[in-house]
Amino acid sequence: MVKYMMIERKNIQKLINTLGEHSDTREIIIDDIKKIPRYSSYLGVCKQTPVKILIYINYDYPENIQEAVIIHELLHVQIKHEGFPRVVINENKSRNANPEAIRVLRYIRDHFNSTIEHPQVFYREINEFDIDVDSYFDVQVERKKHRFERRTERKKDKNYYFLRQQDILIGIDYYSYPSKHRKMIQKMFRNLYPETYNYCNTLYRKLKFNNPNEVYTSAQKIKKDIIRYGRKNGLSEINKIWDAMDIL
């Protein structure tokens, strides 16, 4: 049962049928992302319970974008059924973390999961569904551009290099964009932070995302290289955040 008419579209029904083949017949509910202030600036987010898949989307975007976002979120659910790895926070290494540290840990965990899942998710969105790919990635690029444009840090302190670690992680996403969109966002990345862009580019050449085993190995390499980048730039304490990320 689905409480949203767009769910009847053939693209989304195709995915629901695929989830059914994995014996996932949970109720799917679509709702307004503004109900979750933490994620109100996102295109979409998926929350799961044992009986429901809740997808929150931004109703400010047109229906073609909403449809692509729903497909995107359901693909994240699908690849979990296929045995792709996930990133979790190591409880022993985070037991004494304060509330702010826990918030940062969860933020990094969520982005790390997105990074290792997006090559498969984006590939399937582009190649397996009849959706408005151009418009969807136009929105993605605009959001990433906004992320870069609002940067104000100048002093190369520990926070500066922690943000660069995050740029390396999120930058891996860009390689799975369609060529036109990839070139636009990578040009901005390269112009703003050429050293970090080159580090990300070198790391990406070591990675493969074609199956669960490759993704697991690549996730370990990403973690290792980001920690190495932090060590190079004096982030011994901040590196504990990355060290607390376990790949399962």
Foldseek 3Di string as FASTA:
>chain_A
DEDDVVCPDPQNVVLCVLVVVLVDNAYEYEEAPVVPVVCNVPQWDWDDDPRYIYIHGHPVDDPLLVSLSSLLHSLLVNVVSQVAKAKDFACVLCVPPDPVLVVVLVVVRVLLRCLLSLLVSLVCSVPPDDGDLVVNLVVVLVVLVVVLVPDDDDDPDLVVLVVLLVCLSNLSNLVSRPPVSSVVNLVSVCVVPVVSSVLSVVLSVVADRPGRVRSLVSSVSSLVSSLVSSVVSVNPPVNSSSVRMDMD
